[in-house]
């Protein structure tokens, strides 16, 4: 059960999708990343904050090339992990001390750092674990108050809102229904896009840690979700 420690508030974990970090406009990406880093620095001063960064399109491009070259799925996962760590380095360097410049490579290391170096930014950790899954593992280890999943859409929909104008967003959804959606959408190949990591959903459900799904580029709304205030998106609990 999430709980605050006797010395302060319970940690919060943020998973930022790679498609949020880098879009199609390099100039806009620079401005956004600077603002995101400022937000994370600010929030991290008031609450222990851990952030995982995804690989997005860049990782998928490398994975596609690696697959054509005959790399194994484990090797492809490792390629993707390296990209997520580059994204983590970008944010960490912009934030500056006390955030570690070198991203932690395990949830154990990240959990050790977060109470003295908030915010802590990390990418992937090992093959078979997406950065959403890493965020969930870290949240359970930290007994986090919540996990926020920053994506390229403003919540969970009953169908793809980019393809269906009548798609409806879930404001709240229970874990059983959410896990069924995750199970139906998630695969096992490196570089896939899906709603959320299956392992992560199971871990958060078992630990009773709520999950918020928000649009990652709506920074005021992202801040509200991180701080536990009312937000636009989907709450899974």
C-alpha atoms as a PDB file:
ATOM      1  CA  UNK A   1       0.000   0.000   0.000  1.00  0.00           C
ATOM      2  CA  UNK A   2       1.486   3.401  -0.987  1.00  0.00           C
ATOM      3  CA  UNK A   3       2.330   5.547   1.985  1.00  0.00           C
ATOM      4  CA  UNK A   4       4.376   8.597   2.846  1.00  0.00           C
ATOM      5  CA  UNK A   5       7.501   8.036   4.879  1.00  0.00           C
ATOM      6  CA  UNK A   6       7.842   9.567   8.300  1.00  0.00           C
ATOM      7  CA  UNK A   7      10.396  12.027   6.912  1.00  0.00           C
ATOM      8  CA  UNK A   8       8.376  13.315   3.962  1.00  0.00           C
ATOM      9  CA  UNK A   9       5.983  12.595   1.113  1.00  0.00           C
ATOM     10  CA  UNK A  10       5.884   9.279  -0.702  1.00  0.00           C
ATOM     11  CA  UNK A  11       7.836   9.170  -3.973  1.00  0.00           C
ATOM     12  CA  UNK A  12       6.225   9.603  -7.379  1.00  0.00           C
ATOM     13  CA  UNK A  13       7.303   7.811 -10.559  1.00  0.00           C
ATOM     14  CA  UNK A  14       6.894   9.241 -14.058  1.00  0.00           C
ATOM     15  CA  UNK A  15       7.216   7.238 -17.266  1.00  0.00           C
ATOM     16  CA  UNK A  16       7.751   9.500 -20.292  1.00  0.00           C
ATOM     17  CA  UNK A  17       7.187   7.911 -23.677  1.00  0.00           C
ATOM     18  CA  UNK A  18       9.851   8.340 -26.320  1.00  0.00           C
ATOM     19  CA  UNK A  19       7.286   9.868 -28.679  1.00  0.00           C
ATOM     20  CA  UNK A  20       6.774  12.607 -26.093  1.00  0.00           C
ATOM     21  CA  UNK A  21      10.493  13.309 -25.780  1.00  0.00           C
ATOM     22  CA  UNK A  22      11.173  13.606 -29.512  1.00  0.00           C
ATOM     23  CA  UNK A  23       8.495  14.494 -32.041  1.00  0.00           C
ATOM     24  CA  UNK A  24       8.780  15.546 -35.670  1.00  0.00           C
ATOM     25  CA  UNK A  25       9.941  19.135 -35.123  1.00  0.00           C
ATOM     26  CA  UNK A  26      13.512  19.412 -33.735  1.00  0.00           C
ATOM     27  CA  UNK A  27      13.116  23.106 -32.857  1.00  0.00           C
ATOM     28  CA  UNK A  28       9.922  22.417 -30.902  1.00  0.00           C
ATOM     29  CA  UNK A  29      11.557  19.416 -29.212  1.00  0.00           C
ATOM     30  CA  UNK A  30      14.367  21.584 -27.822  1.00  0.00           C
ATOM     31  CA  UNK A  31      11.937  24.067 -26.295  1.00  0.00           C
ATOM     32  CA  UNK A  32       9.745  21.324 -24.881  1.00  0.00           C
ATOM     33  CA  UNK A  33      12.634  19.384 -23.336  1.00  0.00           C
ATOM     34  CA  UNK A  34      13.946  22.530 -21.650  1.00  0.00           C
ATOM     35  CA  UNK A  35      10.510  23.193 -20.143  1.00  0.00           C
ATOM     36  CA  UNK A  36      10.064  19.549 -19.143  1.00  0.00           C
ATOM     37  CA  UNK A  37      13.445  19.549 -17.405  1.00  0.00           C
ATOM     38  CA  UNK A  38      12.509  22.712 -15.508  1.00  0.00           C
ATOM     39  CA  UNK A  39       9.213  21.135 -14.424  1.00  0.00           C
ATOM     40  CA  UNK A  40      10.901  17.933 -13.238  1.00  0.00           C
ATOM     41  CA  UNK A  41      13.540  19.904 -11.328  1.00  0.00           C
ATOM     42  CA  UNK A  42      10.829  21.927  -9.620  1.00  0.00           C
ATOM     43  CA  UNK A  43       8.581  18.970  -8.722  1.00  0.00           C
ATOM     44  CA  UNK A  44      11.599  16.935  -7.647  1.00  0.00           C
ATOM     45  CA  UNK A  45      12.460  19.518  -5.011  1.00  0.00           C
ATOM     46  CA  UNK A  46       9.179  18.930  -3.155  1.00  0.00           C
ATOM     47  CA  UNK A  47       8.706  15.176  -3.643  1.00  0.00           C
ATOM     48  CA  UNK A  48      11.126  12.295  -4.335  1.00  0.00           C
ATOM     49  CA  UNK A  49      10.726  11.878  -8.101  1.00  0.00           C
ATOM     50  CA  UNK A  50      11.972   9.114 -10.403  1.00  0.00           C
ATOM     51  CA  UNK A  51      11.554   9.379 -14.170  1.00  0.00           C
ATOM     52  CA  UNK A  52      11.929   6.701 -16.839  1.00  0.00           C
ATOM     53  CA  UNK A  53      12.384   7.697 -20.486  1.00  0.00           C
ATOM     54  CA  UNK A  54      11.262   5.675 -23.489  1.00  0.00           C
ATOM     55  CA  UNK A  55      12.983   5.235 -26.838  1.00  0.00           C
ATOM     56  CA  UNK A  56      10.154   6.121 -29.208  1.00  0.00           C
ATOM     57  CA  UNK A  57      10.650   6.436 -32.952  1.00  0.00           C
ATOM     58  CA  UNK A  58      14.440   6.636 -32.694  1.00  0.00           C
ATOM     59  CA  UNK A  59      14.650   3.296 -30.870  1.00  0.00           C
ATOM     60  CA  UNK A  60      12.176   1.697 -33.287  1.00  0.00           C
ATOM     61  CA  UNK A  61      14.259   2.843 -36.271  1.00  0.00           C
ATOM     62  CA  UNK A  62      17.394   1.233 -34.831  1.00  0.00           C
ATOM     63  CA  UNK A  63      15.494  -1.901 -33.844  1.00  0.00           C
ATOM     64  CA  UNK A  64      14.067  -2.188 -37.354  1.00  0.00           C
ATOM     65  CA  UNK A  65      17.563  -1.942 -38.794  1.00  0.00           C
ATOM     66  CA  UNK A  66      18.909  -4.455 -36.299  1.00  0.00           C
ATOM     67  CA  UNK A  67      16.137  -6.911 -37.077  1.00  0.00           C
ATOM     68  CA  UNK A  68      16.964  -6.678 -40.788  1.00  0.00           C
ATOM     69  CA  UNK A  69      20.585  -7.449 -39.866  1.00  0.00           C
ATOM     70  CA  UNK A  70      19.505 -10.594 -38.034  1.00  0.00           C
ATOM     71  CA  UNK A  71      19.934  -9.504 -34.404  1.00  0.00           C
ATOM     72  CA  UNK A  72      18.132 -11.530 -31.749  1.00  0.00           C
ATOM     73  CA  UNK A  73      15.241 -10.071 -29.745  1.00  0.00           C
ATOM     74  CA  UNK A  74      17.528  -9.750 -26.714  1.00  0.00           C
ATOM     75  CA  UNK A  75      20.082  -7.834 -28.773  1.00  0.00           C
ATOM     76  CA  UNK A  76      17.329  -5.641 -30.202  1.00  0.00           C
ATOM     77  CA  UNK A  77      16.098  -4.890 -26.680  1.00  0.00           C
ATOM     78  CA  UNK A  78      19.632  -3.892 -25.753  1.00  0.00           C
ATOM     79  CA  UNK A  79      19.802  -1.513 -28.718  1.00  0.00           C
ATOM     80  CA  UNK A  80      16.535   0.088 -27.618  1.00  0.00           C
ATOM     81  CA  UNK A  81      17.770   0.387 -24.036  1.00  0.00           C
ATOM     82  CA  UNK A  82      20.800   2.374 -25.203  1.00  0.00           C
ATOM     83  CA  UNK A  83      18.495   4.873 -26.922  1.00  0.00           C
ATOM     84  CA  UNK A  84      16.361   5.274 -23.788  1.00  0.00           C
ATOM     85  CA  UNK A  85      19.521   6.015 -21.799  1.00  0.00           C
ATOM     86  CA  UNK A  86      20.544   8.714 -24.274  1.00  0.00           C
ATOM     87  CA  UNK A  87      17.144  10.340 -23.744  1.00  0.00           C
ATOM     88  CA  UNK A  88      17.652  10.075 -19.988  1.00  0.00           C
ATOM     89  CA  UNK A  89      21.080  11.711 -20.303  1.00  0.00           C
ATOM     90  CA  UNK A  90      19.599  14.627 -22.246  1.00  0.00           C
ATOM     91  CA  UNK A  91      17.089  15.368 -19.504  1.00  0.00           C
ATOM     92  CA  UNK A  92      19.492  14.717 -16.634  1.00  0.00           C
ATOM     93  CA  UNK A  93      22.143  17.018 -18.093  1.00  0.00           C
ATOM     94  CA  UNK A  94      19.614  19.797 -18.605  1.00  0.00           C
ATOM     95  CA  UNK A  95      18.308  19.434 -15.028  1.00  0.00           C
ATOM     96  CA  UNK A  96      21.787  19.378 -13.511  1.00  0.00           C
ATOM     97  CA  UNK A  97      22.858  18.513  -9.938  1.00  0.00           C
ATOM     98  CA  UNK A  98      21.805  16.839  -7.752  1.00  0.00           C
ATOM     99  CA  UNK A  99      20.298  14.707 -10.536  1.00  0.00           C
ATOM    100  CA  UNK A 100      22.907  12.050 -11.457  1.00  0.00           C
ATOM    101  CA  UNK A 101      24.368  12.823 -14.886  1.00  0.00           C
ATOM    102  CA  UNK A 102      24.787   9.105 -15.577  1.00  0.00           C
ATOM    103  CA  UNK A 103      21.395   7.377 -15.588  1.00  0.00           C
ATOM    104  CA  UNK A 104      21.069   4.506 -13.090  1.00  0.00           C
ATOM    105  CA  UNK A 105      21.070   1.137 -14.832  1.00  0.00           C
ATOM    106  CA  UNK A 106      18.873  -0.731 -12.340  1.00  0.00           C
ATOM    107  CA  UNK A 107      15.818  -0.037 -10.210  1.00  0.00           C
ATOM    108  CA  UNK A 108      17.878  -0.838  -7.108  1.00  0.00           C
ATOM    109  CA  UNK A 109      20.352   1.912  -7.985  1.00  0.00           C
ATOM    110  CA  UNK A 110      17.584   4.367  -8.872  1.00  0.00           C
ATOM    111  CA  UNK A 111      15.705   3.711  -5.635  1.00  0.00           C
ATOM    112  CA  UNK A 112      18.902   4.289  -3.673  1.00  0.00           C
ATOM    113  CA  UNK A 113      19.494   7.627  -5.402  1.00  0.00           C
ATOM    114  CA  UNK A 114      16.001   9.115  -5.434  1.00  0.00           C
ATOM    115  CA  UNK A 115      15.817  10.217  -1.805  1.00  0.00           C
ATOM    116  CA  UNK A 116      19.039  12.223  -2.049  1.00  0.00           C
ATOM    117  CA  UNK A 117      19.220  13.231  -5.731  1.00  0.00           C
ATOM    118  CA  UNK A 118      15.636  13.922  -6.818  1.00  0.00           C
ATOM    119  CA  UNK A 119      14.725  13.880  -9.622  1.00  0.00           C
ATOM    120  CA  UNK A 120      16.493  10.746 -10.818  1.00  0.00           C
ATOM    121  CA  UNK A 121      16.249  10.033 -14.562  1.00  0.00           C
ATOM    122  CA  UNK A 122      16.820   6.583 -16.057  1.00  0.00           C
ATOM    123  CA  UNK A 123      16.129   4.655 -19.224  1.00  0.00           C
ATOM    124  CA  UNK A 124      15.730   0.931 -19.661  1.00  0.00           C
ATOM    125  CA  UNK A 125      17.429  -1.596 -17.418  1.00  0.00           C
ATOM    126  CA  UNK A 126      17.440  -5.056 -18.994  1.00  0.00           C
ATOM    127  CA  UNK A 127      16.038  -6.935 -22.000  1.00  0.00           C
ATOM    128  CA  UNK A 128      12.387  -7.874 -21.709  1.00  0.00           C
ATOM    129  CA  UNK A 129      11.441  -4.879 -19.575  1.00  0.00           C
ATOM    130  CA  UNK A 130       9.928  -1.801 -21.207  1.00  0.00           C
ATOM    131  CA  UNK A 131      10.451   1.567 -19.553  1.00  0.00           C
ATOM    132  CA  UNK A 132       6.806   1.444 -18.413  1.00  0.00           C
ATOM    133  CA  UNK A 133       7.639  -1.856 -16.744  1.00  0.00           C
ATOM    134  CA  UNK A 134      10.759  -0.341 -15.189  1.00  0.00           C
ATOM    135  CA  UNK A 135       8.645   2.537 -13.852  1.00  0.00           C
ATOM    136  CA  UNK A 136       6.242   0.064 -12.249  1.00  0.00           C
ATOM    137  CA  UNK A 137       9.048  -2.016 -10.727  1.00  0.00           C
ATOM    138  CA  UNK A 138      10.612   1.140  -9.336  1.00  0.00           C
ATOM    139  CA  UNK A 139       7.276   2.378  -7.990  1.00  0.00           C
ATOM    140  CA  UNK A 140       6.723  -0.847  -6.091  1.00  0.00           C
ATOM    141  CA  UNK A 141      10.269  -0.766  -4.705  1.00  0.00           C
ATOM    142  CA  UNK A 142       9.779   2.854  -3.590  1.00  0.00           C
ATOM    143  CA  UNK A 143       6.213   2.314  -2.314  1.00  0.00           C
ATOM    144  CA  UNK A 144       5.287   5.230  -4.565  1.00  0.00           C
ATOM    145  CA  UNK A 145       2.157   7.305  -4.117  1.00  0.00           C
ATOM    146  CA  UNK A 146       1.387   7.105  -7.840  1.00  0.00           C
ATOM    147  CA  UNK A 147       2.762   6.410 -11.289  1.00  0.00           C
ATOM    148  CA  UNK A 148       2.159   8.917 -14.082  1.00  0.00           C
ATOM    149  CA  UNK A 149       2.396   7.672 -17.655  1.00  0.00           C
ATOM    150  CA  UNK A 150       3.070  10.568 -20.074  1.00  0.00           C
ATOM    151  CA  UNK A 151       2.039   9.558 -23.584  1.00  0.00           C
ATOM    152  CA  UNK A 152       1.245  11.110 -26.967  1.00  0.00           C
ATOM    153  CA  UNK A 153      -2.525  11.054 -26.264  1.00  0.00           C
ATOM    154  CA  UNK A 154      -4.521  12.530 -23.378  1.00  0.00           C
ATOM    155  CA  UNK A 155      -5.542   9.288 -21.711  1.00  0.00           C
ATOM    156  CA  UNK A 156      -6.814   5.794 -22.428  1.00  0.00           C
ATOM    157  CA  UNK A 157      -9.481   5.492 -25.145  1.00  0.00           C
ATOM    158  CA  UNK A 158     -11.796   2.695 -26.185  1.00  0.00           C
ATOM    159  CA  UNK A 159     -10.204   2.894 -29.640  1.00  0.00           C
ATOM    160  CA  UNK A 160      -7.385   4.785 -31.335  1.00  0.00           C
ATOM    161  CA  UNK A 161      -8.409   8.483 -31.122  1.00  0.00           C
ATOM    162  CA  UNK A 162      -6.079   9.348 -34.005  1.00  0.00           C
ATOM    163  CA  UNK A 163      -8.045   7.054 -36.298  1.00  0.00           C
ATOM    164  CA  UNK A 164     -11.541   7.277 -34.828  1.00  0.00           C
ATOM    165  CA  UNK A 165     -13.097  10.699 -34.236  1.00  0.00           C
ATOM    166  CA  UNK A 166     -15.789   9.154 -32.021  1.00  0.00           C
ATOM    167  CA  UNK A 167     -13.305   7.436 -29.688  1.00  0.00           C
ATOM    168  CA  UNK A 168     -14.210   7.873 -26.024  1.00  0.00           C
ATOM    169  CA  UNK A 169     -11.710   8.479 -23.256  1.00  0.00           C
ATOM    170  CA  UNK A 170     -11.932   6.650 -19.940  1.00  0.00           C
ATOM    171  CA  UNK A 171     -11.762   9.158 -17.092  1.00  0.00           C
ATOM    172  CA  UNK A 172     -11.496   6.265 -14.618  1.00  0.00           C
ATOM    173  CA  UNK A 173     -11.085   2.555 -15.160  1.00  0.00           C
ATOM    174  CA  UNK A 174     -10.622  -0.386 -12.827  1.00  0.00           C
ATOM    175  CA  UNK A 175      -7.542  -2.570 -12.840  1.00  0.00           C
ATOM    176  CA  UNK A 176      -9.297  -5.693 -14.109  1.00  0.00           C
ATOM    177  CA  UNK A 177     -10.636  -3.943 -17.200  1.00  0.00           C
ATOM    178  CA  UNK A 178      -7.359  -2.090 -17.761  1.00  0.00           C
ATOM    179  CA  UNK A 179      -5.302  -5.274 -17.526  1.00  0.00           C
ATOM    180  CA  UNK A 180      -7.606  -6.961 -20.041  1.00  0.00           C
ATOM    181  CA  UNK A 181      -6.983  -4.094 -22.476  1.00  0.00           C
ATOM    182  CA  UNK A 182      -3.232  -4.307 -21.856  1.00  0.00           C
ATOM    183  CA  UNK A 183      -3.187  -8.077 -22.377  1.00  0.00           C
ATOM    184  CA  UNK A 184      -5.011  -7.679 -25.684  1.00  0.00           C
ATOM    185  CA  UNK A 185      -2.643  -5.010 -26.993  1.00  0.00           C
ATOM    186  CA  UNK A 186       0.791  -6.064 -25.735  1.00  0.00           C
ATOM    187  CA  UNK A 187       3.201  -8.269 -27.654  1.00  0.00           C
ATOM    188  CA  UNK A 188       6.684  -9.584 -26.983  1.00  0.00           C
ATOM    189  CA  UNK A 189       8.827  -8.201 -29.833  1.00  0.00           C
ATOM    190  CA  UNK A 190      11.292  -5.384 -29.194  1.00  0.00           C
ATOM    191  CA  UNK A 191      10.163  -1.889 -30.167  1.00  0.00           C
ATOM    192  CA  UNK A 192       6.403  -2.406 -30.140  1.00  0.00           C
ATOM    193  CA  UNK A 193       3.910   0.335 -29.275  1.00  0.00           C
ATOM    194  CA  UNK A 194       1.123  -0.589 -26.855  1.00  0.00           C
ATOM    195  CA  UNK A 195      -1.109   0.794 -24.131  1.00  0.00           C
ATOM    196  CA  UNK A 196       1.085  -0.162 -21.169  1.00  0.00           C
ATOM    197  CA  UNK A 197       3.491  -2.882 -20.148  1.00  0.00           C
ATOM    198  CA  UNK A 198       1.803  -6.132 -19.036  1.00  0.00           C
ATOM    199  CA  UNK A 199       4.242  -6.753 -16.205  1.00  0.00           C
ATOM    200  CA  UNK A 200       3.873  -3.136 -15.090  1.00  0.00           C
ATOM    201  CA  UNK A 201       0.086  -3.321 -15.000  1.00  0.00           C
ATOM    202  CA  UNK A 202       0.180  -6.510 -12.942  1.00  0.00           C
ATOM    203  CA  UNK A 203       2.713  -5.072 -10.496  1.00  0.00           C
ATOM    204  CA  UNK A 204       0.830  -1.822  -9.920  1.00  0.00           C
ATOM    205  CA  UNK A 205      -2.470  -3.667  -9.489  1.00  0.00           C
ATOM    206  CA  UNK A 206      -0.973  -6.014  -6.913  1.00  0.00           C
ATOM    207  CA  UNK A 207       0.677  -3.142  -5.011  1.00  0.00           C
ATOM    208  CA  UNK A 208      -2.471  -0.964  -5.206  1.00  0.00           C
ATOM    209  CA  UNK A 209      -0.532   1.948  -6.709  1.00  0.00           C
ATOM    210  CA  UNK A 210      -2.746   4.188  -8.874  1.00  0.00           C
ATOM    211  CA  UNK A 211      -1.750   4.966 -12.443  1.00  0.00           C
ATOM    212  CA  UNK A 212      -2.470   8.248 -14.236  1.00  0.00           C
ATOM    213  CA  UNK A 213      -2.297   8.419 -18.036  1.00  0.00           C
ATOM    214  CA  UNK A 214      -1.888  11.934 -19.457  1.00  0.00           C
ATOM    215  CA  UNK A 215      -0.644  13.762 -22.537  1.00  0.00           C
ATOM    216  CA  UNK A 216       3.034  14.303 -21.923  1.00  0.00           C
ATOM    217  CA  UNK A 217       3.311  17.605 -23.783  1.00  0.00           C
ATOM    218  CA  UNK A 218       0.577  19.299 -21.753  1.00  0.00           C
ATOM    219  CA  UNK A 219       2.966  20.389 -19.037  1.00  0.00           C
ATOM    220  CA  UNK A 220       0.528  22.164 -16.670  1.00  0.00           C
ATOM    221  CA  UNK A 221      -1.663  19.056 -16.719  1.00  0.00           C
ATOM    222  CA  UNK A 222       1.364  16.795 -16.274  1.00  0.00           C
ATOM    223  CA  UNK A 223       2.390  18.802 -13.213  1.00  0.00           C
ATOM    224  CA  UNK A 224      -1.115  18.442 -11.765  1.00  0.00           C
ATOM    225  CA  UNK A 225      -0.969  14.661 -12.180  1.00  0.00           C
ATOM    226  CA  UNK A 226       2.492  14.457 -10.616  1.00  0.00           C
ATOM    227  CA  UNK A 227       1.386  16.542  -7.648  1.00  0.00           C
ATOM    228  CA  UNK A 228      -1.755  14.467  -7.082  1.00  0.00           C
ATOM    229  CA  UNK A 229      -4.173  17.210  -8.133  1.00  0.00           C
ATOM    230  CA  UNK A 230      -7.112  16.969 -10.540  1.00  0.00           C
ATOM    231  CA  UNK A 231      -5.937  16.341 -14.123  1.00  0.00           C
ATOM    232  CA  UNK A 232      -7.263  15.630 -17.611  1.00  0.00           C
ATOM    233  CA  UNK A 233      -6.607  12.037 -18.541  1.00  0.00           C
ATOM    234  CA  UNK A 234      -7.315   8.544 -17.246  1.00  0.00           C
ATOM    235  CA  UNK A 235      -6.959   7.296 -13.689  1.00  0.00           C
ATOM    236  CA  UNK A 236      -6.493   3.548 -13.194  1.00  0.00           C
ATOM    237  CA  UNK A 237      -7.175   2.292  -9.685  1.00  0.00           C
END
